[in-house]
Structures are given as C-alpha cells and as structure tokens.
Amino acid sequence: MNIINKILSPSIYHGHNKKPPFFEGWYYKLVSANQKHRYAIIPGIFLGENGYAFIQVLDGSTGNSDFFTYPIDQFYASNDELDIRIGDNRFQLDNIVMDIQNNQNNIKGHLKFEGITGWPISILSPGIMGWYAWVPKMECYHAVLGFDHHLSGNLRINEQEIDFSNGRGYIEKDWGESFPKGYVWMQSNHFSKIGICLTASVATIPWIGNAFQGFIAGLWIQGELYRFATYTGAKLKDFSISDQQVHMVLLDRNYTLEITAERNGTGLLKGPTRTAMDMRVAESLTSTIHVTLTESTGNILFEDTGYHAGLEVAGDIPGLLEG
C-alpha cells in the first residue's frame, strides 16, 4: 500500500518497513452492559534495540494491569486492513479473539463489535489529526476508529467469566516514535443516551526544533461531530489540572466546549519513549466527565455527564500547562 492510501487508512498497521524507534498500539475499551466490568485491551509493537510485540490488559474496576510480551516473529499485520495477530490473539475492527495462557494468567474469549463509526476521513482531513496527518515524522499520530459501538461475546479472565453482550465499546490507536513529553487524554461514551462520545487531548507537540501546546477534542452526538482542534483554528481558552480534576474550555466562532473531568483511581500502563516501553502511564477507567456545548448566542446545545471515562495525565505536566 502506498503512503497516500496508508494515511487515508489510519486503522491499519503503519510499521511495515519502518526503522526504530517506532511503536504502534490499538486501544480497545470494553464496558459490560451492567457497567460492573471495564477493561482496556491494548495490542501493539515496539521496534527498538530489544523490540517485541505486546498486549496490555487493564482492569478498570480494580486498577490491576498486565503486560504480555511476544517475540517480533509472533506479530503479523495485514497490509490493507486492520488485522493484527500476536501469538494466538487476533485483533480486527469488528472483533477480537483473545488466547493468553501462561503460569500466572489465562485470558480467552471472542468479542464482536457492531455499529462502528470512526472519526470522518477525507483528503484534506484524514481523521482526528486533520492536515497534520500529512506531516511526515510527527512524534506521535493518533486515530479514533470507533466512537461508540455494541459489544457481544464473552471473555474468561483467569477464573472469571465476563459477559460483554449489549455492552459498549470504543477503539482508537497511536503510532510513531514516542508518546508526547507531556499530555492529558480523556474519553467517555457512557452518557445518558447511546451514540454519544467525547474524546479530548492536550499535548506538547515537537515542531521544527521547538514545541507547542496542541489540542484536539471531538464531541460526537448521534452522528454529528463537533470538532475543536489546533488545526481548526479553535482556541484553548482555559486549561488547568489539579489532583482532583482536569478542566478545559475550548471555543471557536460558533461554539464553546467546556469539559471538567474528575480524576479517580488509576491502574499503571506502559507507554513508549524512543528507547523502550518505559513511560509510566496512570490511567483511570472510573473517572467522570461533565460536558457542556454552548452556541455563540449562549444557547446550551448539550449538557451531560459521561461515566466510566478513560483519563490519563502523564509526563511533564508543568511544561504542558506552560504551553
């Protein structure tokens, strides 16, 4: 697949013929129908001096996490669709098959996804990155593959059989050389109605020997996407982080988006740097996000609270706040 088609297909593996340092990971968020079980499953690969494929599993209810590694030769990726195989595990856009067995863990099952809608893709704006997706050698690229979709199937995790039928899912991915030096990321698709999702991030972005504070936020409301990003000309009017919450206000000519995320208990994941998967990333799957979307006239179009939210605050936060 040529480079243009690859940029227009953000879900697929971008690492064919890449030289280290390089990482790529897909993030599958799973919440059961009774909302008692919340998991993030992250398959990926790290190319470096001691490269390997991996699968991370985060139990958002307990904060427990596991990091399973595999030799590079046990990693397979299709050239033209999302089809990743790591050992006996398989990850696609509409289903995953898990089969991890070692001395400490046993994870096995099959989940299917229905009604997947990702961030819109066009020539001028190939997904959530906008025109930045066309910029070569960005430190980190990002994609949203599924805002809010229906789950079916079961996972057996050690001695626990978990039924995810009629649960809700979300899928995104990252790839590049490293995670940002400092960033905040948040997401929820558990609002009062099905078909609503909020995803937002603020990060320190390297740029031509310097760096800037970049941001992206998308509020997807039953088929309509409200976008606020550095590349759309929106402004980050207010941005603060405390031990209790993350607050931001974004605005453009037509709308103001106010987001308040309440920080909660976290589990520890591993994120990529240029040398290893050695960045400590504390992620919560039990946070809440209050969202208000207001027209320039002052009319409130949307106000709601999202639950079971993913929230990460990682790296050089003082530097990120300074912008």
Protein backbone atom coordinates (compact mmCIF):
# COMPACT_ATOMS: atom_id res chain seq x y z
CA MET A 1 0.00 0.00 0.00
CA ASN A 2 1.41 3.42 -0.94
CA ILE A 3 1.88 6.24 1.56
CA ILE A 4 -1.23 8.18 0.45
CA ASN A 5 -3.54 5.20 0.87
CA LYS A 6 -1.93 4.41 4.21
CA ILE A 7 -2.57 7.93 5.55
CA LEU A 8 -6.18 7.64 4.39
CA SER A 9 -6.46 4.29 6.23
CA PRO A 10 -5.40 5.16 9.79
CA SER A 11 -6.70 1.90 11.29
CA ILE A 12 -4.12 -0.30 9.55
CA TYR A 13 -0.58 -1.08 10.66
CA HIS A 14 1.85 1.70 9.67
CA GLY A 15 5.06 -0.03 10.73
CA HIS A 16 5.87 -2.06 7.62
CA ASN A 17 9.47 -1.19 6.62
CA LYS A 18 9.78 1.31 9.49
CA LYS A 19 13.14 1.70 11.22
CA PRO A 20 13.46 2.07 15.01
CA PRO A 21 12.42 3.84 17.06
CA PHE A 22 8.80 3.04 16.24
CA PHE A 23 5.72 1.94 18.16
CA GLU A 24 2.11 1.26 17.27
CA GLY A 25 -0.77 0.34 19.54
CA TRP A 26 -4.55 -0.14 19.28
CA TYR A 27 -6.77 0.68 22.25
CA TYR A 28 -9.97 -1.35 22.73
CA LYS A 29 -12.17 -0.12 25.58
CA LEU A 30 -14.84 -2.55 26.78
CA VAL A 31 -17.63 -1.88 29.29
CA SER A 32 -20.19 -4.57 30.13
CA ALA A 33 -23.94 -3.94 29.95
CA ASN A 34 -24.27 -3.93 33.74
CA GLN A 35 -21.28 -1.49 33.83
CA LYS A 36 -19.55 -3.58 36.51
CA HIS A 37 -16.70 -4.61 34.22
CA ARG A 38 -14.44 -2.08 32.49
CA TYR A 39 -11.38 -3.18 30.53
CA ALA A 40 -8.82 -1.66 28.20
CA ILE A 41 -7.01 -4.12 25.93
CA ILE A 42 -4.04 -2.72 24.02
CA PRO A 43 -2.20 -4.83 21.44
CA GLY A 44 0.89 -3.32 19.88
CA ILE A 45 4.51 -3.47 18.85
CA PHE A 46 7.71 -1.67 19.81
CA LEU A 47 10.62 -1.60 17.37
CA GLY A 48 13.94 -0.84 19.03
CA GLU A 49 17.16 -2.42 20.22
CA ASN A 50 15.15 -5.03 22.12
CA GLY A 51 11.89 -4.91 20.21
CA TYR A 52 8.82 -7.03 20.86
CA ALA A 53 5.10 -7.26 20.36
CA PHE A 54 2.85 -6.81 23.38
CA ILE A 55 -0.67 -6.96 24.76
CA GLN A 56 -1.61 -4.78 27.74
CA VAL A 57 -4.72 -5.57 29.77
CA LEU A 58 -6.13 -3.06 32.29
CA ASP A 59 -8.95 -3.98 34.64
CA GLY A 60 -10.51 -0.57 35.17
CA SER A 61 -12.57 -1.73 38.13
CA THR A 62 -9.60 -2.88 40.22
CA GLY A 63 -6.72 -0.97 38.63
CA ASN A 64 -4.81 -4.22 38.05
CA SER A 65 -2.85 -4.41 34.81
CA ASP A 66 -0.77 -6.99 32.94
CA PHE A 67 1.81 -6.58 30.19
CA PHE A 68 2.38 -9.61 27.98
CA THR A 69 5.33 -9.65 25.57
CA TYR A 70 5.89 -11.72 22.43
CA PRO A 71 8.84 -12.10 20.04
CA ILE A 72 8.62 -9.94 16.93
CA ASP A 73 8.21 -13.03 14.76
CA GLN A 74 4.88 -13.71 16.53
CA PHE A 75 3.49 -10.40 15.26
CA TYR A 76 1.58 -10.28 11.97
CA ALA A 77 -0.18 -7.29 10.40
CA SER A 78 -2.17 -7.13 7.18
CA ASN A 79 -1.08 -4.59 4.56
CA ASP A 80 -4.55 -3.34 3.66
CA GLU A 81 -6.90 -3.74 6.66
CA LEU A 82 -6.89 -3.79 10.43
CA ASP A 83 -5.89 -7.39 11.08
CA ILE A 84 -3.28 -7.82 13.82
CA ARG A 85 -2.16 -11.19 15.15
CA ILE A 86 0.04 -11.55 18.22
CA GLY A 87 0.69 -15.14 19.18
CA ASP A 88 -2.74 -16.81 19.27
CA ASN A 89 -4.56 -13.47 19.64
CA ARG A 90 -6.24 -11.60 16.79
CA PHE A 91 -7.45 -8.00 16.65
CA GLN A 92 -9.67 -6.55 13.91
CA LEU A 93 -12.01 -3.59 13.58
CA ASP A 94 -15.15 -5.65 14.21
CA ASN A 95 -13.89 -8.36 16.59
CA ILE A 96 -11.08 -9.60 18.81
CA VAL A 97 -10.01 -13.12 19.75
CA MET A 98 -8.04 -13.49 22.98
CA ASP A 99 -5.95 -16.52 23.90
CA ILE A 100 -3.27 -15.79 26.53
CA GLN A 101 -2.08 -18.62 28.72
CA ASN A 102 0.96 -18.61 30.97
CA ASN A 103 1.82 -19.57 34.53
CA GLN A 104 0.03 -16.56 36.03
CA ASN A 105 -2.76 -15.68 33.60
CA ASN A 106 -5.43 -17.22 31.44
CA ILE A 107 -7.40 -14.90 29.15
CA LYS A 108 -9.57 -16.44 26.49
CA GLY A 109 -12.65 -15.40 24.51
CA HIS A 110 -14.18 -13.80 21.42
CA LEU A 111 -15.86 -10.41 21.22
CA LYS A 112 -17.73 -8.90 18.27
CA PHE A 113 -18.45 -5.22 17.60
CA GLU A 114 -21.39 -3.80 15.67
CA GLY A 115 -22.27 -0.26 14.55
CA ILE A 116 -18.72 1.09 14.38
CA THR A 117 -18.31 4.71 13.30
CA GLY A 118 -14.89 6.38 13.41
CA TRP A 119 -13.67 9.94 13.03
CA PRO A 120 -14.51 11.05 9.44
CA ILE A 121 -11.72 10.71 6.86
CA SER A 122 -11.19 12.97 3.85
CA ILE A 123 -8.27 14.00 1.65
CA LEU A 124 -7.89 17.35 3.43
CA SER A 125 -8.53 15.94 6.91
CA PRO A 126 -7.67 12.21 7.23
CA GLY A 127 -9.17 11.63 10.66
CA ILE A 128 -8.69 13.24 14.05
CA MET A 129 -5.19 14.59 13.18
CA GLY A 130 -6.61 16.83 10.44
CA TRP A 131 -3.99 18.05 7.98
CA TYR A 132 -1.25 17.16 10.49
CA ALA A 133 -1.77 13.55 9.34
CA TRP A 134 0.08 14.54 6.14
CA VAL A 135 3.10 15.92 8.03
CA PRO A 136 5.98 13.40 7.94
CA LYS A 137 7.93 12.40 11.04
CA MET A 138 5.49 13.68 13.64
CA GLU A 139 6.41 12.32 17.07
CA CYS A 140 3.01 10.66 17.55
CA TYR A 141 0.00 10.10 15.30
CA HIS A 142 -3.49 9.40 16.61
CA ALA A 143 -6.74 7.94 15.24
CA VAL A 144 -10.27 7.33 16.54
CA LEU A 145 -11.67 4.19 14.92
CA GLY A 146 -14.93 3.68 16.82
CA PHE A 147 -16.82 6.28 18.88
CA ASP A 148 -19.48 4.07 20.46
CA HIS A 149 -20.50 0.58 19.38
CA HIS A 150 -22.37 -2.50 20.52
CA LEU A 151 -20.49 -5.46 22.04
CA SER A 152 -21.32 -9.15 22.08
CA GLY A 153 -19.42 -12.16 23.37
CA ASN A 154 -17.53 -13.27 26.44
CA LEU A 155 -14.05 -13.13 27.93
CA ARG A 156 -12.78 -15.56 30.53
CA ILE A 157 -10.12 -13.77 32.57
CA ASN A 158 -8.47 -16.25 34.91
CA GLU A 159 -11.37 -17.70 36.91
CA GLN A 160 -13.92 -15.04 35.96
CA GLU A 161 -16.32 -15.39 33.03
CA ILE A 162 -17.39 -11.92 31.84
CA ASP A 163 -20.34 -11.44 29.51
CA PHE A 164 -19.92 -8.27 27.42
CA SER A 165 -23.12 -8.78 25.40
CA ASN A 166 -25.04 -5.50 24.99
CA GLY A 167 -22.09 -3.61 26.44
CA ARG A 168 -20.45 -0.57 24.83
CA GLY A 169 -17.05 -0.24 23.16
CA TYR A 170 -14.61 2.39 21.89
CA ILE A 171 -11.49 1.98 19.69
CA GLU A 172 -8.54 4.28 18.99
CA LYS A 173 -4.84 3.95 18.20
CA ASP A 174 -1.45 5.69 18.31
CA TRP A 175 1.76 5.23 16.36
CA GLY A 176 5.07 7.00 15.82
CA GLU A 177 8.36 7.39 17.64
CA SER A 178 7.19 8.19 21.16
CA PHE A 179 4.31 9.40 23.30
CA PRO A 180 4.34 13.17 23.85
CA LYS A 181 6.62 14.57 26.55
CA GLY A 182 3.54 15.64 28.48
CA TYR A 183 -0.14 15.11 27.75
CA VAL A 184 -3.71 14.77 29.02
CA TRP A 185 -6.16 12.41 27.35
CA MET A 186 -9.77 11.64 28.22
CA GLN A 187 -12.69 9.74 26.71
CA SER A 188 -16.20 8.60 27.59
CA ASN A 189 -19.03 7.03 25.59
CA HIS A 190 -21.31 6.42 28.57
CA PHE A 191 -23.61 9.41 28.59
CA SER A 192 -27.36 9.41 29.24
CA LYS A 193 -28.07 8.26 25.67
CA ILE A 194 -26.37 5.74 23.41
CA GLY A 195 -24.42 7.18 20.49
CA ILE A 196 -22.62 9.99 22.35
CA CYS A 197 -18.86 10.14 22.79
CA LEU A 198 -16.35 12.72 24.00
CA THR A 199 -12.66 12.38 23.27
CA ALA A 200 -10.17 15.13 24.06
CA SER A 201 -6.43 15.55 24.50
CA VAL A 202 -3.85 18.28 25.08
CA ALA A 203 -0.19 17.52 24.41
CA THR A 204 3.24 19.04 23.99
CA ILE A 205 3.98 18.74 20.26
CA PRO A 206 7.59 18.99 18.94
CA TRP A 207 7.74 21.28 15.91
CA ILE A 208 10.77 22.41 13.86
CA GLY A 209 13.20 22.44 16.75
CA ASN A 210 10.69 23.85 19.20
CA ALA A 211 7.37 22.73 20.71
CA PHE A 212 3.82 23.96 21.11
CA GLN A 213 0.71 23.08 23.10
CA GLY A 214 -1.61 21.25 20.72
CA PHE A 215 -5.13 20.06 21.40
CA ILE A 216 -7.91 18.01 19.82
CA ALA A 217 -11.46 17.48 21.08
CA GLY A 218 -14.40 15.82 19.42
CA LEU A 219 -17.94 15.61 20.75
CA TRP A 220 -19.90 13.05 18.74
CA ILE A 221 -23.65 13.27 19.27
CA GLN A 222 -25.59 10.57 17.43
CA GLY A 223 -23.90 11.07 14.09
CA GLU A 224 -22.89 14.73 14.31
CA LEU A 225 -19.31 15.59 15.23
CA TYR A 226 -18.33 18.89 16.86
CA ARG A 227 -14.56 19.41 16.40
CA PHE A 228 -12.21 21.69 18.30
CA ALA A 229 -8.53 21.48 17.41
CA THR A 230 -5.38 23.49 16.87
CA TYR A 231 -5.74 22.86 13.13
CA THR A 232 -9.39 24.07 13.01
CA GLY A 233 -8.45 27.47 14.45
CA ALA A 234 -10.17 26.80 17.78
CA LYS A 235 -8.68 28.26 20.97
CA LEU A 236 -7.90 26.65 24.31
CA LYS A 237 -9.27 29.44 26.47
CA ASP A 238 -8.79 27.75 29.84
CA PHE A 239 -6.77 24.71 30.88
CA SER A 240 -5.99 23.60 34.43
CA ILE A 241 -5.01 20.40 36.21
CA SER A 242 -5.32 19.65 39.92
CA ASP A 243 -5.18 16.46 41.96
CA GLN A 244 -8.97 16.33 41.78
CA GLN A 245 -9.81 17.32 38.20
CA VAL A 246 -8.84 18.43 34.72
CA HIS A 247 -10.70 21.43 33.33
CA MET A 248 -10.62 22.96 29.86
CA VAL A 249 -12.63 25.40 27.81
CA LEU A 250 -12.33 25.36 24.01
CA LEU A 251 -14.04 27.75 21.66
CA ASP A 252 -14.36 28.72 18.03
CA ARG A 253 -16.58 31.18 16.17
CA ASN A 254 -19.71 29.07 16.66
CA TYR A 255 -19.40 27.06 19.87
CA THR A 256 -17.83 26.80 23.30
CA LEU A 257 -17.00 23.38 24.73
CA GLU A 258 -16.41 23.16 28.48
CA ILE A 259 -15.03 19.92 29.92
CA THR A 260 -14.47 19.00 33.55
CA ALA A 261 -13.01 15.55 34.22
CA GLU A 262 -12.96 14.24 37.78
CA ARG A 263 -9.79 12.25 38.46
CA ASN A 264 -10.24 8.85 40.10
CA GLY A 265 -8.38 5.64 40.92
CA THR A 266 -5.86 4.50 38.31
CA GLY A 267 -4.01 1.48 37.04
CA LEU A 268 -0.49 1.60 35.61
CA LEU A 269 0.18 1.11 31.89
CA LYS A 270 3.40 1.29 29.89
CA GLY A 271 3.87 3.92 27.21
CA PRO A 272 6.56 4.27 24.54
CA THR A 273 9.60 6.50 24.59
CA ARG A 274 12.24 6.47 21.87
CA THR A 275 14.22 3.77 23.67
CA ALA A 276 11.70 1.44 25.33
CA MET A 277 8.16 0.94 26.62
CA ASP A 278 9.23 2.60 29.85
CA MET A 279 6.88 5.58 30.25
CA ARG A 280 4.67 5.19 33.31
CA VAL A 281 1.08 5.97 32.33
CA ALA A 282 -1.55 6.07 35.07
CA GLU A 283 -4.97 5.51 33.54
CA SER A 284 -8.38 5.61 35.18
CA LEU A 285 -11.45 3.91 33.75
CA THR A 286 -13.66 5.14 36.58
CA SER A 287 -13.49 8.90 36.03
CA THR A 288 -16.43 11.13 35.12
CA ILE A 289 -16.51 13.91 32.52
CA HIS A 290 -19.03 16.75 32.60
CA VAL A 291 -19.51 18.31 29.16
CA THR A 292 -21.32 21.47 28.09
CA LEU A 293 -21.61 22.59 24.46
CA THR A 294 -22.88 26.15 24.04
CA GLU A 295 -23.67 28.16 20.90
CA SER A 296 -22.12 31.61 20.47
CA THR A 297 -25.58 33.01 21.23
CA GLY A 298 -25.44 31.46 24.71
CA ASN A 299 -27.89 28.66 23.93
CA ILE A 300 -26.85 25.35 25.50
CA LEU A 301 -26.98 22.63 22.85
CA PHE A 302 -25.76 19.77 25.03
CA GLU A 303 -25.02 19.20 28.69
CA ASP A 304 -24.42 15.79 30.24
CA THR A 305 -22.02 13.70 32.30
CA GLY A 306 -20.08 10.76 30.91
CA TYR A 307 -19.16 7.85 33.18
CA HIS A 308 -16.58 5.05 33.07
CA ALA A 309 -14.27 7.59 31.48
CA GLY A 310 -10.71 6.91 30.48
CA LEU A 311 -8.37 9.59 31.82
CA GLU A 312 -4.59 9.88 31.58
CA VAL A 313 -2.41 12.70 32.92
CA ALA A 314 1.16 11.82 32.06
CA GLY A 315 4.69 13.15 31.62
CA ASP A 316 5.84 16.76 32.02
CA ILE A 317 2.59 18.38 33.16
CA PRO A 318 4.15 21.71 34.32
CA GLY A 319 5.67 22.10 30.87
CA LEU A 320 2.35 21.22 29.24
CA LEU A 321 0.48 23.81 31.33
CA GLU A 322 3.00 26.48 30.39
CA GLY A 323 2.16 25.84 26.76
